[in-house]
Amino acid sequence: MKLLLDSSSSLLFSLLLAQLPVFASASPVPPRRSSDLDRLTNHTTNLKKLAQKLLKKHEFDSDVESHRFRSLPEMSNRLATDLHNLELKPTLSQLHADLKLYKDHFDWLSNVSKKHHHPAVPKLEKMITEMKSVITMLHHQMQRVEAPVLTPATPSLPSHLPYHFEVLQSTHELLQHFNLFCDWAIRAFIGLKPKASAAQ
């Protein structure tokens, strides 16, 4: 009788072992949770695409002379920066301050464009909404790693643009500059990802 029970137990145990792969495959693998830096990269990529679409609609035969927006972040030095050597906290703080400064410029451009009944207004407002989302996400990431919040200087903006062509030129100039910024910010977020993971 004992031998029979032992045989039955062994058979049951073997059957359970045989079913383990089935149970394992039936349990869904939880999706990998995307990091804040991944989301920031994706949203900034969306911003870049929005800027590029608007740029295509405002292309000029020659480059527009940059003279209206003296308070925009300086990009020429950053484009040559070694992204692997970026420090996490200062870079996040600077990107946050820069984005707030760009938002001030695009708010101004949107208001001016409304006065001239510019057809780009809805897309500009969409960009501003997306920019707010990126600023909020970036601020959240800064809090997680205890990066300081910088206060950007008050932008120096033209008081008014009386001519429609000047609005077009200003739109082109600002979008061109912002497109460069987005390109650099995307690469910076990708480069900072390992450092952000290590800091959390």
N, C-alpha and C. Protein backbone atom coordinates (compact mmCIF):
# COMPACT_ATOMS: atom_id res chain seq x y z
N MET A 1 0.84 -1.21 0.00
CA MET A 1 0.00 0.00 0.00
C MET A 1 0.87 1.26 0.00
N LYS A 2 1.94 1.23 0.83
CA LYS A 2 2.84 2.39 0.90
C LYS A 2 3.54 2.62 -0.43
N LEU A 3 3.90 1.49 -1.08
CA LEU A 3 4.55 1.60 -2.39
C LEU A 3 3.64 2.22 -3.43
N LEU A 4 2.36 1.87 -3.35
CA LEU A 4 1.37 2.41 -4.28
C LEU A 4 1.21 3.91 -4.09
N LEU A 5 1.18 4.34 -2.81
CA LEU A 5 1.06 5.77 -2.51
C LEU A 5 2.28 6.54 -3.00
N ASP A 6 3.47 5.92 -2.77
CA ASP A 6 4.70 6.58 -3.22
C ASP A 6 4.72 6.73 -4.73
N SER A 7 4.24 5.70 -5.42
CA SER A 7 4.20 5.74 -6.89
C SER A 7 3.23 6.80 -7.38
N SER A 8 2.08 6.89 -6.71
CA SER A 8 1.07 7.90 -7.08
C SER A 8 1.60 9.31 -6.85
N SER A 9 2.29 9.50 -5.73
CA SER A 9 2.85 10.83 -5.42
C SER A 9 3.91 11.22 -6.45
N SER A 10 4.74 10.25 -6.80
CA SER A 10 5.79 10.52 -7.80
C SER A 10 5.19 10.87 -9.14
N LEU A 11 4.12 10.14 -9.51
CA LEU A 11 3.45 10.41 -10.79
C LEU A 11 2.83 11.80 -10.81
N LEU A 12 2.18 12.17 -9.69
CA LEU A 12 1.55 13.50 -9.58
C LEU A 12 2.60 14.60 -9.65
N PHE A 13 3.71 14.38 -8.95
CA PHE A 13 4.80 15.35 -8.94
C PHE A 13 5.37 15.54 -10.34
N SER A 14 5.54 14.42 -11.06
CA SER A 14 6.07 14.48 -12.43
C SER A 14 5.13 15.24 -13.36
N LEU A 15 3.81 15.00 -13.17
CA LEU A 15 2.82 15.70 -13.99
C LEU A 15 2.85 17.21 -13.73
N LEU A 16 3.01 17.58 -12.45
CA LEU A 16 3.08 19.01 -12.10
C LEU A 16 4.32 19.67 -12.71
N LEU A 17 5.44 18.95 -12.64
CA LEU A 17 6.67 19.47 -13.24
C LEU A 17 6.52 19.68 -14.75
N ALA A 18 5.83 18.74 -15.39
CA ALA A 18 5.63 18.83 -16.84
C ALA A 18 4.77 20.03 -17.22
N GLN A 19 3.88 20.47 -16.31
CA GLN A 19 2.97 21.58 -16.59
C GLN A 19 3.59 22.94 -16.30
N LEU A 20 4.75 22.96 -15.61
CA LEU A 20 5.35 24.25 -15.24
C LEU A 20 5.59 25.18 -16.43
N PRO A 21 6.14 24.70 -17.56
CA PRO A 21 6.33 25.60 -18.71
C PRO A 21 5.02 26.20 -19.21
N VAL A 22 3.93 25.43 -19.13
CA VAL A 22 2.62 25.94 -19.56
C VAL A 22 2.17 27.07 -18.67
N PHE A 23 2.32 26.86 -17.33
CA PHE A 23 1.93 27.91 -16.37
C PHE A 23 2.77 29.18 -16.59
N ALA A 24 4.07 28.96 -16.85
CA ALA A 24 4.97 30.11 -17.03
C ALA A 24 4.60 30.90 -18.27
N SER A 25 4.26 30.18 -19.37
CA SER A 25 3.91 30.88 -20.61
C SER A 25 2.56 31.57 -20.51
N ALA A 26 1.70 31.05 -19.62
CA ALA A 26 0.37 31.65 -19.47
C ALA A 26 0.43 32.97 -18.72
N SER A 27 1.49 33.17 -17.92
CA SER A 27 1.63 34.41 -17.15
C SER A 27 2.28 35.47 -18.03
N PRO A 28 1.59 36.57 -18.31
CA PRO A 28 2.18 37.60 -19.19
C PRO A 28 3.38 38.27 -18.54
N VAL A 29 4.39 38.55 -19.35
CA VAL A 29 5.57 39.26 -18.85
C VAL A 29 5.22 40.73 -18.70
N PRO A 30 5.41 41.30 -17.51
CA PRO A 30 5.05 42.71 -17.33
C PRO A 30 5.88 43.61 -18.25
N PRO A 31 5.26 44.60 -18.88
CA PRO A 31 6.01 45.48 -19.79
C PRO A 31 7.06 46.28 -19.04
N ARG A 32 8.18 46.55 -19.72
CA ARG A 32 9.24 47.33 -19.10
C ARG A 32 8.78 48.77 -18.92
N ARG A 33 8.89 49.27 -17.71
CA ARG A 33 8.43 50.62 -17.40
C ARG A 33 9.42 51.63 -17.96
N SER A 34 8.91 52.51 -18.80
CA SER A 34 9.81 53.51 -19.40
C SER A 34 10.21 54.53 -18.35
N SER A 35 11.44 54.99 -18.44
CA SER A 35 11.97 55.94 -17.47
C SER A 35 11.52 57.36 -17.82
N ASP A 36 11.71 58.27 -16.86
CA ASP A 36 11.39 59.68 -17.11
C ASP A 36 12.21 60.22 -18.28
N LEU A 37 13.46 59.79 -18.37
CA LEU A 37 14.32 60.27 -19.46
C LEU A 37 13.83 59.75 -20.81
N ASP A 38 13.28 58.53 -20.83
CA ASP A 38 12.69 58.01 -22.08
C ASP A 38 11.51 58.87 -22.51
N ARG A 39 10.65 59.18 -21.55
CA ARG A 39 9.46 60.00 -21.86
C ARG A 39 9.87 61.40 -22.29
N LEU A 40 10.87 61.96 -21.63
CA LEU A 40 11.35 63.28 -22.02
C LEU A 40 11.92 63.26 -23.44
N THR A 41 12.65 62.19 -23.77
CA THR A 41 13.21 62.05 -25.12
C THR A 41 12.09 61.98 -26.14
N ASN A 42 11.07 61.17 -25.86
CA ASN A 42 9.95 61.00 -26.81
C ASN A 42 9.18 62.30 -27.00
N HIS A 43 8.87 63.00 -25.92
CA HIS A 43 8.09 64.25 -26.02
C HIS A 43 8.91 65.35 -26.70
N THR A 44 10.21 65.39 -26.44
CA THR A 44 11.06 66.39 -27.10
C THR A 44 11.18 66.07 -28.59
N THR A 45 11.19 64.79 -28.93
CA THR A 45 11.18 64.39 -30.35
C THR A 45 9.90 64.86 -31.02
N ASN A 46 8.77 64.75 -30.32
CA ASN A 46 7.50 65.25 -30.85
C ASN A 46 7.56 66.76 -31.07
N LEU A 47 8.17 67.47 -30.11
CA LEU A 47 8.32 68.92 -30.25
C LEU A 47 9.16 69.26 -31.48
N LYS A 48 10.22 68.52 -31.68
CA LYS A 48 11.09 68.76 -32.84
C LYS A 48 10.32 68.54 -34.14
N LYS A 49 9.49 67.50 -34.18
CA LYS A 49 8.70 67.21 -35.38
C LYS A 49 7.70 68.34 -35.65
N LEU A 50 7.07 68.85 -34.58
CA LEU A 50 6.12 69.97 -34.74
C LEU A 50 6.84 71.20 -35.29
N ALA A 51 8.03 71.46 -34.75
CA ALA A 51 8.81 72.62 -35.22
C ALA A 51 9.20 72.45 -36.68
N GLN A 52 9.60 71.24 -37.06
CA GLN A 52 10.01 71.00 -38.44
C GLN A 52 8.84 71.14 -39.42
N LYS A 53 7.66 70.69 -39.01
CA LYS A 53 6.48 70.83 -39.87
C LYS A 53 6.15 72.31 -40.09
N LEU A 54 6.24 73.09 -39.03
CA LEU A 54 5.98 74.52 -39.17
C LEU A 54 7.06 75.20 -40.01
N LEU A 55 8.30 74.75 -39.85
CA LEU A 55 9.39 75.34 -40.63
C LEU A 55 9.19 75.13 -42.12
N LYS A 56 8.70 73.97 -42.50
CA LYS A 56 8.48 73.67 -43.92
C LYS A 56 7.45 74.62 -44.53
N LYS A 57 6.52 75.07 -43.69
CA LYS A 57 5.49 75.99 -44.19
C LYS A 57 5.98 77.44 -44.21
N HIS A 58 7.13 77.69 -43.60
CA HIS A 58 7.63 79.06 -43.52
C HIS A 58 9.05 79.15 -44.06
N GLU A 59 9.34 78.34 -45.08
CA GLU A 59 10.69 78.34 -45.66
C GLU A 59 10.90 79.60 -46.49
N PHE A 60 12.11 80.13 -46.40
CA PHE A 60 12.49 81.30 -47.20
C PHE A 60 13.57 80.87 -48.19
N ASP A 61 13.72 81.63 -49.25
CA ASP A 61 14.73 81.31 -50.26
C ASP A 61 16.14 81.42 -49.71
N SER A 62 16.31 82.29 -48.73
CA SER A 62 17.63 82.46 -48.11
C SER A 62 17.44 82.47 -46.59
N ASP A 63 18.55 82.31 -45.89
CA ASP A 63 18.47 82.31 -44.43
C ASP A 63 18.00 83.66 -43.92
N VAL A 64 17.17 83.59 -42.88
CA VAL A 64 16.69 84.82 -42.26
C VAL A 64 17.76 85.35 -41.33
N GLU A 65 18.02 86.62 -41.40
CA GLU A 65 19.02 87.22 -40.52
C GLU A 65 18.50 87.17 -39.08
N SER A 66 19.30 86.59 -38.20
CA SER A 66 18.89 86.45 -36.80
C SER A 66 19.21 87.75 -36.05
N HIS A 67 18.19 88.46 -35.70
CA HIS A 67 18.43 89.72 -34.98
C HIS A 67 17.31 90.07 -34.01
N ARG A 68 16.21 89.33 -34.04
CA ARG A 68 15.07 89.71 -33.21
C ARG A 68 15.16 89.17 -31.79
N PHE A 69 15.72 87.97 -31.64
CA PHE A 69 15.65 87.29 -30.35
C PHE A 69 17.04 87.17 -29.72
N ARG A 70 17.42 88.21 -29.00
CA ARG A 70 18.74 88.24 -28.39
C ARG A 70 18.81 87.40 -27.11
N SER A 71 17.67 87.06 -26.54
CA SER A 71 17.68 86.38 -25.24
C SER A 71 17.53 84.87 -25.34
N LEU A 72 17.59 84.31 -26.55
CA LEU A 72 17.50 82.86 -26.69
C LEU A 72 18.80 82.20 -26.20
N PRO A 73 18.70 80.95 -25.73
CA PRO A 73 19.92 80.24 -25.29
C PRO A 73 20.94 80.14 -26.41
N GLU A 74 22.21 80.27 -26.06
CA GLU A 74 23.29 80.14 -27.04
C GLU A 74 23.50 78.66 -27.35
N MET A 75 23.37 78.29 -28.64
CA MET A 75 23.43 76.88 -29.02
C MET A 75 24.76 76.49 -29.66
N SER A 76 25.50 77.44 -30.23
CA SER A 76 26.71 77.09 -30.98
C SER A 76 27.73 76.35 -30.12
N ASN A 77 27.90 76.77 -28.86
CA ASN A 77 28.86 76.10 -27.99
C ASN A 77 28.39 74.71 -27.59
N ARG A 78 27.09 74.57 -27.39
CA ARG A 78 26.56 73.29 -26.91
C ARG A 78 26.64 72.20 -27.96
N LEU A 79 26.46 72.56 -29.21
CA LEU A 79 26.46 71.55 -30.27
C LEU A 79 27.80 70.83 -30.37
N ALA A 80 28.86 71.48 -29.90
CA ALA A 80 30.19 70.85 -29.93
C ALA A 80 30.53 70.16 -28.60
N THR A 81 29.61 70.17 -27.65
CA THR A 81 29.86 69.58 -26.33
C THR A 81 29.91 68.06 -26.41
N ASP A 82 30.83 67.48 -25.63
CA ASP A 82 30.89 66.02 -25.52
C ASP A 82 29.75 65.58 -24.61
N LEU A 83 28.75 64.93 -25.18
CA LEU A 83 27.55 64.57 -24.43
C LEU A 83 27.82 63.57 -23.32
N HIS A 84 28.89 62.78 -23.48
CA HIS A 84 29.22 61.78 -22.45
C HIS A 84 29.72 62.45 -21.16
N ASN A 85 30.19 63.67 -21.27
CA ASN A 85 30.74 64.36 -20.10
C ASN A 85 29.73 65.29 -19.43
N LEU A 86 28.48 65.27 -19.89
CA LEU A 86 27.47 66.13 -19.27
C LEU A 86 27.20 65.69 -17.83
N GLU A 87 27.06 66.66 -16.95
CA GLU A 87 26.70 66.36 -15.56
C GLU A 87 25.18 66.39 -15.44
N LEU A 88 24.65 65.47 -14.66
CA LEU A 88 23.20 65.27 -14.59
C LEU A 88 22.45 66.51 -14.10
N LYS A 89 22.73 66.94 -12.89
CA LYS A 89 21.92 68.00 -12.27
C LYS A 89 22.04 69.35 -13.01
N PRO A 90 23.27 69.82 -13.29
CA PRO A 90 23.35 71.11 -14.01
C PRO A 90 22.69 71.08 -15.38
N THR A 91 22.80 69.94 -16.08
CA THR A 91 22.22 69.85 -17.43
C THR A 91 20.70 69.87 -17.37
N LEU A 92 20.10 69.10 -16.43
CA LEU A 92 18.65 69.10 -16.28
C LEU A 92 18.15 70.50 -15.91
N SER A 93 18.85 71.15 -15.00
CA SER A 93 18.46 72.50 -14.57
C SER A 93 18.51 73.49 -15.74
N GLN A 94 19.57 73.39 -16.54
CA GLN A 94 19.72 74.30 -17.68
C GLN A 94 18.66 74.05 -18.75
N LEU A 95 18.39 72.78 -19.03
CA LEU A 95 17.36 72.44 -20.01
C LEU A 95 15.99 72.95 -19.57
N HIS A 96 15.71 72.83 -18.29
CA HIS A 96 14.43 73.31 -17.74
C HIS A 96 14.31 74.82 -17.91
N ALA A 97 15.38 75.55 -17.55
CA ALA A 97 15.38 77.01 -17.68
C ALA A 97 15.26 77.42 -19.15
N ASP A 98 15.96 76.72 -20.03
CA ASP A 98 15.92 77.03 -21.46
C ASP A 98 14.52 76.82 -22.04
N LEU A 99 13.89 75.71 -21.67
CA LEU A 99 12.54 75.43 -22.18
C LEU A 99 11.54 76.48 -21.72
N LYS A 100 11.67 76.94 -20.48
CA LYS A 100 10.77 77.99 -19.99
C LYS A 100 10.99 79.28 -20.79
N LEU A 101 12.25 79.54 -21.13
CA LEU A 101 12.57 80.73 -21.93
C LEU A 101 11.99 80.62 -23.34
N TYR A 102 12.11 79.44 -23.94
CA TYR A 102 11.51 79.23 -25.27
C TYR A 102 9.99 79.38 -25.20
N LYS A 103 9.40 78.85 -24.14
CA LYS A 103 7.95 78.97 -24.01
C LYS A 103 7.52 80.44 -23.96
N ASP A 104 8.27 81.27 -23.25
CA ASP A 104 7.97 82.71 -23.21
C ASP A 104 8.01 83.30 -24.62
N HIS A 105 9.00 82.89 -25.41
CA HIS A 105 9.12 83.40 -26.78
C HIS A 105 7.95 82.93 -27.65
N PHE A 106 7.59 81.66 -27.50
CA PHE A 106 6.48 81.13 -28.32
C PHE A 106 5.13 81.70 -27.87
N ASP A 107 4.98 81.98 -26.58
CA ASP A 107 3.77 82.66 -26.10
C ASP A 107 3.64 84.02 -26.78
N TRP A 108 4.78 84.73 -26.82
CA TRP A 108 4.79 86.05 -27.46
C TRP A 108 4.45 85.92 -28.95
N LEU A 109 5.07 84.96 -29.62
CA LEU A 109 4.85 84.78 -31.06
C LEU A 109 3.39 84.40 -31.34
N SER A 110 2.82 83.56 -30.49
CA SER A 110 1.42 83.17 -30.66
C SER A 110 0.49 84.37 -30.54
N ASN A 111 0.75 85.23 -29.56
CA ASN A 111 -0.09 86.42 -29.37
C ASN A 111 0.03 87.38 -30.55
N VAL A 112 1.27 87.58 -31.04
CA VAL A 112 1.48 88.45 -32.20
C VAL A 112 0.80 87.86 -33.43
N SER A 113 0.93 86.54 -33.59
CA SER A 113 0.35 85.87 -34.76
C SER A 113 -1.17 85.98 -34.77
N LYS A 114 -1.77 85.94 -33.58
CA LYS A 114 -3.23 86.08 -33.49
C LYS A 114 -3.68 87.44 -34.00
N LYS A 115 -2.90 88.47 -33.68
CA LYS A 115 -3.26 89.82 -34.11
C LYS A 115 -3.20 89.96 -35.63
N HIS A 116 -2.32 89.16 -36.25
CA HIS A 116 -2.17 89.20 -37.71
C HIS A 116 -2.97 88.09 -38.38
N HIS A 117 -3.78 87.38 -37.60
CA HIS A 117 -4.60 86.27 -38.13
C HIS A 117 -3.75 85.27 -38.89
N HIS A 118 -2.61 84.94 -38.31
CA HIS A 118 -1.67 84.02 -38.93
C HIS A 118 -2.21 82.59 -38.88
N PRO A 119 -2.16 81.83 -39.99
CA PRO A 119 -2.72 80.47 -40.01
C PRO A 119 -1.95 79.46 -39.15
N ALA A 120 -0.75 79.84 -38.71
CA ALA A 120 0.06 78.90 -37.91
C ALA A 120 -0.34 78.88 -36.43
N VAL A 121 -1.28 79.76 -36.02
CA VAL A 121 -1.62 79.88 -34.60
C VAL A 121 -2.01 78.55 -33.95
N PRO A 122 -2.90 77.74 -34.54
CA PRO A 122 -3.26 76.47 -33.87
C PRO A 122 -2.06 75.55 -33.63
N LYS A 123 -1.13 75.48 -34.62
CA LYS A 123 0.05 74.63 -34.45
C LYS A 123 1.01 75.21 -33.42
N LEU A 124 1.10 76.53 -33.37
CA LEU A 124 1.94 77.16 -32.35
C LEU A 124 1.39 76.84 -30.95
N GLU A 125 0.08 76.91 -30.81
CA GLU A 125 -0.53 76.62 -29.51
C GLU A 125 -0.35 75.15 -29.13
N LYS A 126 -0.37 74.28 -30.13
CA LYS A 126 -0.12 72.85 -29.88
C LYS A 126 1.32 72.66 -29.38
N MET A 127 2.24 73.39 -29.98
CA MET A 127 3.64 73.32 -29.55
C MET A 127 3.79 73.80 -28.11
N ILE A 128 3.10 74.89 -27.79
CA ILE A 128 3.19 75.45 -26.44
C ILE A 128 2.64 74.46 -25.41
N THR A 129 1.54 73.80 -25.75
CA THR A 129 0.95 72.80 -24.85
C THR A 129 1.92 71.64 -24.62
N GLU A 130 2.55 71.18 -25.69
CA GLU A 130 3.52 70.09 -25.57
C GLU A 130 4.74 70.54 -24.78
N MET A 131 5.13 71.78 -24.97
CA MET A 131 6.26 72.34 -24.23
C MET A 131 5.99 72.35 -22.73
N LYS A 132 4.75 72.71 -22.36
CA LYS A 132 4.36 72.71 -20.95
C LYS A 132 4.49 71.31 -20.36
N SER A 133 4.10 70.30 -21.13
CA SER A 133 4.19 68.91 -20.66
C SER A 133 5.65 68.53 -20.40
N VAL A 134 6.53 68.91 -21.32
CA VAL A 134 7.95 68.58 -21.17
C VAL A 134 8.53 69.31 -19.96
N ILE A 135 8.16 70.57 -19.78
CA ILE A 135 8.64 71.34 -18.63
C ILE A 135 8.21 70.68 -17.32
N THR A 136 6.96 70.23 -17.25
CA THR A 136 6.45 69.56 -16.05
C THR A 136 7.19 68.25 -15.79
N MET A 137 7.38 67.43 -16.84
CA MET A 137 8.09 66.16 -16.68
C MET A 137 9.55 66.40 -16.26
N LEU A 138 10.15 67.41 -16.86
CA LEU A 138 11.53 67.73 -16.54
C LEU A 138 11.67 68.19 -15.09
N HIS A 139 10.71 68.97 -14.64
CA HIS A 139 10.73 69.43 -13.24
C HIS A 139 10.58 68.24 -12.29
N HIS A 140 9.74 67.29 -12.65
CA HIS A 140 9.56 66.08 -11.83
C HIS A 140 10.88 65.31 -11.74
N GLN A 141 11.58 65.17 -12.87
CA GLN A 141 12.87 64.47 -12.87
C GLN A 141 13.89 65.22 -12.02
N MET A 142 13.87 66.55 -12.09
CA MET A 142 14.79 67.35 -11.30
C MET A 142 14.55 67.14 -9.80
N GLN A 143 13.29 67.05 -9.41
CA GLN A 143 12.98 66.82 -8.00
C GLN A 143 13.50 65.46 -7.53
N ARG A 144 13.42 64.47 -8.42
CA ARG A 144 13.87 63.12 -8.04
C ARG A 144 15.37 63.07 -7.79
N VAL A 145 16.13 63.86 -8.52
CA VAL A 145 17.59 63.83 -8.34
C VAL A 145 18.09 65.07 -7.59
N GLU A 146 17.14 65.89 -7.12
CA GLU A 146 17.47 67.09 -6.33
C GLU A 146 18.32 68.08 -7.12
N ALA A 147 17.94 68.32 -8.37
CA ALA A 147 18.61 69.33 -9.19
C ALA A 147 18.00 70.69 -8.91
N PRO A 148 18.80 71.73 -8.83
CA PRO A 148 18.26 73.07 -8.52
C PRO A 148 17.46 73.66 -9.68
N VAL A 149 16.47 74.49 -9.32
CA VAL A 149 15.67 75.18 -10.33
C VAL A 149 16.31 76.54 -10.61
N LEU A 150 16.63 76.79 -11.87
CA LEU A 150 17.20 78.08 -12.26
C LEU A 150 16.09 79.02 -12.73
N THR A 151 16.26 80.29 -12.45
CA THR A 151 15.29 81.29 -12.90
C THR A 151 15.82 81.95 -14.17
N PRO A 152 15.17 81.69 -15.31
CA PRO A 152 15.67 82.29 -16.55
C PRO A 152 15.46 83.80 -16.56
N ALA A 153 16.35 84.47 -17.27
CA ALA A 153 16.21 85.94 -17.36
C ALA A 153 14.96 86.29 -18.15
N THR A 154 14.40 87.45 -17.84
CA THR A 154 13.23 87.92 -18.58
C THR A 154 13.62 88.16 -20.04
N PRO A 155 12.92 87.52 -20.98
CA PRO A 155 13.33 87.64 -22.38
C PRO A 155 13.13 89.05 -22.92
N SER A 156 14.04 89.42 -23.81
CA SER A 156 13.93 90.70 -24.49
C SER A 156 13.22 90.46 -25.82
N LEU A 157 11.98 90.92 -25.91
CA LEU A 157 11.16 90.64 -27.09
C LEU A 157 10.71 91.94 -27.76
N PRO A 158 10.57 91.91 -29.09
CA PRO A 158 10.07 93.11 -29.79
C PRO A 158 8.70 93.52 -29.24
N SER A 159 8.50 94.81 -29.10
CA SER A 159 7.23 95.28 -28.53
C SER A 159 6.06 95.01 -29.47
N HIS A 160 6.31 95.09 -30.77
CA HIS A 160 5.24 94.79 -31.73
C HIS A 160 5.86 94.53 -33.10
N LEU A 161 5.12 93.84 -33.93
CA LEU A 161 5.53 93.59 -35.31
C LEU A 161 4.42 94.07 -36.22
N PRO A 162 4.57 95.27 -36.79
CA PRO A 162 3.47 95.86 -37.55
C PRO A 162 3.19 95.20 -38.89
N TYR A 163 4.18 94.49 -39.45
CA TYR A 163 4.00 93.95 -40.79
C TYR A 163 3.93 92.43 -40.77
N HIS A 164 3.08 91.90 -41.63
CA HIS A 164 2.87 90.45 -41.70
C HIS A 164 4.16 89.72 -42.05
N PHE A 165 4.96 90.31 -42.93
CA PHE A 165 6.22 89.67 -43.33
C PHE A 165 7.17 89.54 -42.15
N GLU A 166 7.17 90.51 -41.26
CA GLU A 166 8.02 90.45 -40.06
C GLU A 166 7.58 89.32 -39.14
N VAL A 167 6.29 89.06 -39.08
CA VAL A 167 5.78 87.94 -38.29
C VAL A 167 6.30 86.63 -38.88
N LEU A 168 6.26 86.52 -40.22
CA LEU A 168 6.77 85.32 -40.89
C LEU A 168 8.26 85.11 -40.61
N GLN A 169 9.02 86.19 -40.69
CA GLN A 169 10.45 86.10 -40.43
C GLN A 169 10.73 85.69 -38.99
N SER A 170 9.98 86.28 -38.07
CA SER A 170 10.16 85.94 -36.65
C SER A 170 9.81 84.49 -36.37
N THR A 171 8.75 84.01 -37.00
CA THR A 171 8.34 82.61 -36.84
C THR A 171 9.44 81.69 -37.33
N HIS A 172 9.98 82.00 -38.51
CA HIS A 172 11.04 81.18 -39.09
C HIS A 172 12.28 81.17 -38.20
N GLU A 173 12.68 82.35 -37.74
CA GLU A 173 13.89 82.47 -36.92
C GLU A 173 13.75 81.69 -35.61
N LEU A 174 12.63 81.84 -34.95
CA LEU A 174 12.41 81.17 -33.66
C LEU A 174 12.34 79.66 -33.83
N LEU A 175 11.63 79.22 -34.87
CA LEU A 175 11.51 77.77 -35.11
C LEU A 175 12.86 77.15 -35.47
N GLN A 176 13.66 77.86 -36.25
CA GLN A 176 14.99 77.36 -36.62
C GLN A 176 15.84 77.15 -35.37
N HIS A 177 15.81 78.14 -34.51
CA HIS A 177 16.60 78.09 -33.28
C HIS A 177 16.10 76.97 -32.36
N PHE A 178 14.78 76.86 -32.24
CA PHE A 178 14.19 75.86 -31.36
C PHE A 178 14.44 74.45 -31.90
N ASN A 179 14.47 74.29 -33.20
CA ASN A 179 14.76 72.99 -33.81
C ASN A 179 16.16 72.52 -33.41
N LEU A 180 17.13 73.43 -33.42
CA LEU A 180 18.49 73.10 -32.98
C LEU A 180 18.51 72.71 -31.50
N PHE A 181 17.77 73.46 -30.70
CA PHE A 181 17.71 73.17 -29.27
C PHE A 181 17.14 71.78 -29.02
N CYS A 182 16.04 71.45 -29.69
CA CYS A 182 15.40 70.13 -29.50
C CYS A 182 16.36 69.01 -29.88
N ASP A 183 17.09 69.20 -30.97
CA ASP A 183 18.05 68.19 -31.40
C ASP A 183 19.10 67.94 -30.32
N TRP A 184 19.61 69.03 -29.75
CA TRP A 184 20.62 68.90 -28.69
C TRP A 184 20.01 68.29 -27.43
N ALA A 185 18.79 68.73 -27.07
CA ALA A 185 18.14 68.23 -25.86
C ALA A 185 17.87 66.73 -25.94
N ILE A 186 17.44 66.25 -27.11
CA ILE A 186 17.18 64.82 -27.29
C ILE A 186 18.46 64.02 -27.03
N ARG A 187 19.57 64.47 -27.61
CA ARG A 187 20.83 63.75 -27.44
C ARG A 187 21.31 63.85 -25.98
N ALA A 188 21.03 64.99 -25.35
CA ALA A 188 21.42 65.15 -23.94
C ALA A 188 20.63 64.20 -23.05
N PHE A 189 19.32 64.09 -23.28
CA PHE A 189 18.49 63.19 -22.47
C PHE A 189 18.96 61.74 -22.62
N ILE A 190 19.30 61.34 -23.84
CA ILE A 190 19.78 59.98 -24.08
C ILE A 190 21.11 59.75 -23.34
N GLY A 191 22.01 60.74 -23.41
CA GLY A 191 23.29 60.63 -22.73
C GLY A 191 23.19 60.62 -21.21
N LEU A 192 22.16 61.31 -20.69
CA LEU A 192 22.00 61.41 -19.23
C LEU A 192 21.27 60.21 -18.62
N LYS A 193 20.66 59.40 -19.46
CA LYS A 193 19.83 58.30 -18.94
C LYS A 193 20.57 57.38 -17.97
N PRO A 194 21.79 56.88 -18.30
CA PRO A 194 22.50 56.01 -17.34
C PRO A 194 22.79 56.73 -16.02
N LYS A 195 23.11 58.03 -16.10
CA LYS A 195 23.44 58.78 -14.89
C LYS A 195 22.20 59.00 -14.02
N ALA A 196 21.03 59.20 -14.68
CA ALA A 196 19.80 59.37 -13.93
C ALA A 196 19.41 58.07 -13.24
N SER A 197 19.60 56.95 -13.93
CA SER A 197 19.27 55.63 -13.34
C SER A 197 20.15 55.37 -12.12
N ALA A 198 21.42 55.74 -12.21
CA ALA A 198 22.35 55.51 -11.10
C ALA A 198 22.05 56.41 -9.91
N ALA A 199 21.47 57.59 -10.19
CA ALA A 199 21.21 58.56 -9.11
C ALA A 199 19.92 58.26 -8.36
N GLN A 200 19.06 57.37 -8.89
CA GLN A 200 17.76 57.10 -8.27
C GLN A 200 17.77 55.79 -7.49
